[in-house]
């Protein structure tokens, strides 16, 4: 059964990861940490920021690790 505590932890982690994703994306563009298409292997048309997983990594253990 899902408890109210688990739902609250999930919602807080969701909000943190969403907010952190926006900040990390801006940081990646500012620091020029992006994947640029090379015309051979990559299928994207324009540069894509590479640090998106960092936001999820930072927000998830913060709440679930401290239970």
C-alpha atoms as a PDB file:
ATOM      1  CA  UNK A   1       0.000   0.000   0.000  1.00  0.00           C
ATOM      2  CA  UNK A   2       1.224   3.499  -0.790  1.00  0.00           C
ATOM      3  CA  UNK A   3       1.447   5.720   2.275  1.00  0.00           C
ATOM      4  CA  UNK A   4       0.966   9.470   2.374  1.00  0.00           C
ATOM      5  CA  UNK A   5       4.633   9.829   3.354  1.00  0.00           C
ATOM      6  CA  UNK A   6       5.737   8.096   0.136  1.00  0.00           C
ATOM      7  CA  UNK A   7       3.490  10.337  -1.948  1.00  0.00           C
ATOM      8  CA  UNK A   8       4.929  13.445  -0.287  1.00  0.00           C
ATOM      9  CA  UNK A   9       8.506  12.240  -0.834  1.00  0.00           C
ATOM     10  CA  UNK A  10       7.690  11.525  -4.470  1.00  0.00           C
ATOM     11  CA  UNK A  11       6.140  14.950  -5.062  1.00  0.00           C
ATOM     12  CA  UNK A  12       9.033  16.767  -3.402  1.00  0.00           C
ATOM     13  CA  UNK A  13      11.560  14.777  -5.460  1.00  0.00           C
ATOM     14  CA  UNK A  14       9.554  15.477  -8.611  1.00  0.00           C
ATOM     15  CA  UNK A  15       9.488  19.209  -7.929  1.00  0.00           C
ATOM     16  CA  UNK A  16      13.206  19.274  -7.084  1.00  0.00           C
ATOM     17  CA  UNK A  17      14.196  17.368 -10.211  1.00  0.00           C
ATOM     18  CA  UNK A  18      12.011  19.561 -12.434  1.00  0.00           C
ATOM     19  CA  UNK A  19      13.479  22.750 -10.965  1.00  0.00           C
ATOM     20  CA  UNK A  20      17.018  21.413 -10.988  1.00  0.00           C
ATOM     21  CA  UNK A  21      16.669  20.316 -14.619  1.00  0.00           C
ATOM     22  CA  UNK A  22      15.951  23.900 -15.657  1.00  0.00           C
ATOM     23  CA  UNK A  23      18.956  25.207 -13.717  1.00  0.00           C
ATOM     24  CA  UNK A  24      21.318  22.470 -14.917  1.00  0.00           C
ATOM     25  CA  UNK A  25      20.227  22.975 -18.524  1.00  0.00           C
ATOM     26  CA  UNK A  26      21.031  26.689 -18.306  1.00  0.00           C
ATOM     27  CA  UNK A  27      24.371  25.875 -16.683  1.00  0.00           C
ATOM     28  CA  UNK A  28      25.225  23.396 -19.448  1.00  0.00           C
ATOM     29  CA  UNK A  29      24.549  26.023 -22.115  1.00  0.00           C
ATOM     30  CA  UNK A  30      26.556  28.635 -20.215  1.00  0.00           C
ATOM     31  CA  UNK A  31      29.532  26.293 -19.759  1.00  0.00           C
ATOM     32  CA  UNK A  32      29.146  24.987 -23.332  1.00  0.00           C
ATOM     33  CA  UNK A  33      28.682  21.389 -22.190  1.00  0.00           C
ATOM     34  CA  UNK A  34      26.562  20.366 -25.149  1.00  0.00           C
ATOM     35  CA  UNK A  35      26.500  17.575 -27.714  1.00  0.00           C
ATOM     36  CA  UNK A  36      26.753  18.990 -31.215  1.00  0.00           C
ATOM     37  CA  UNK A  37      25.541  17.060 -34.255  1.00  0.00           C
ATOM     38  CA  UNK A  38      28.389  15.831 -36.429  1.00  0.00           C
ATOM     39  CA  UNK A  39      26.398  14.775 -39.503  1.00  0.00           C
ATOM     40  CA  UNK A  40      27.430  11.128 -39.214  1.00  0.00           C
ATOM     41  CA  UNK A  41      26.275   9.353 -36.054  1.00  0.00           C
ATOM     42  CA  UNK A  42      24.061  11.858 -34.280  1.00  0.00           C
ATOM     43  CA  UNK A  43      20.464  12.299 -35.398  1.00  0.00           C
ATOM     44  CA  UNK A  44      19.631  15.557 -33.611  1.00  0.00           C
ATOM     45  CA  UNK A  45      19.603  18.745 -35.670  1.00  0.00           C
ATOM     46  CA  UNK A  46      20.996  21.197 -33.113  1.00  0.00           C
ATOM     47  CA  UNK A  47      23.126  21.158 -29.981  1.00  0.00           C
ATOM     48  CA  UNK A  48      21.700  19.367 -26.919  1.00  0.00           C
ATOM     49  CA  UNK A  49      22.767  20.003 -23.288  1.00  0.00           C
ATOM     50  CA  UNK A  50      24.500  17.007 -21.687  1.00  0.00           C
ATOM     51  CA  UNK A  51      24.047  17.470 -17.923  1.00  0.00           C
ATOM     52  CA  UNK A  52      20.360  16.516 -17.524  1.00  0.00           C
ATOM     53  CA  UNK A  53      21.012  13.396 -15.472  1.00  0.00           C
ATOM     54  CA  UNK A  54      22.781  15.464 -12.841  1.00  0.00           C
ATOM     55  CA  UNK A  55      19.517  17.142 -11.808  1.00  0.00           C
ATOM     56  CA  UNK A  56      17.780  13.808 -11.254  1.00  0.00           C
ATOM     57  CA  UNK A  57      20.810  12.354  -9.486  1.00  0.00           C
ATOM     58  CA  UNK A  58      20.919  15.274  -7.053  1.00  0.00           C
ATOM     59  CA  UNK A  59      17.197  15.354  -6.212  1.00  0.00           C
ATOM     60  CA  UNK A  60      16.411  11.643  -5.876  1.00  0.00           C
ATOM     61  CA  UNK A  61      18.836  10.565  -3.123  1.00  0.00           C
ATOM     62  CA  UNK A  62      18.205  13.731  -1.140  1.00  0.00           C
ATOM     63  CA  UNK A  63      14.783  12.563   0.015  1.00  0.00           C
ATOM     64  CA  UNK A  64      14.831   8.815  -0.432  1.00  0.00           C
ATOM     65  CA  UNK A  65      18.256   8.452   1.142  1.00  0.00           C
ATOM     66  CA  UNK A  66      17.266  10.267   4.330  1.00  0.00           C
ATOM     67  CA  UNK A  67      14.254   8.145   5.279  1.00  0.00           C
END
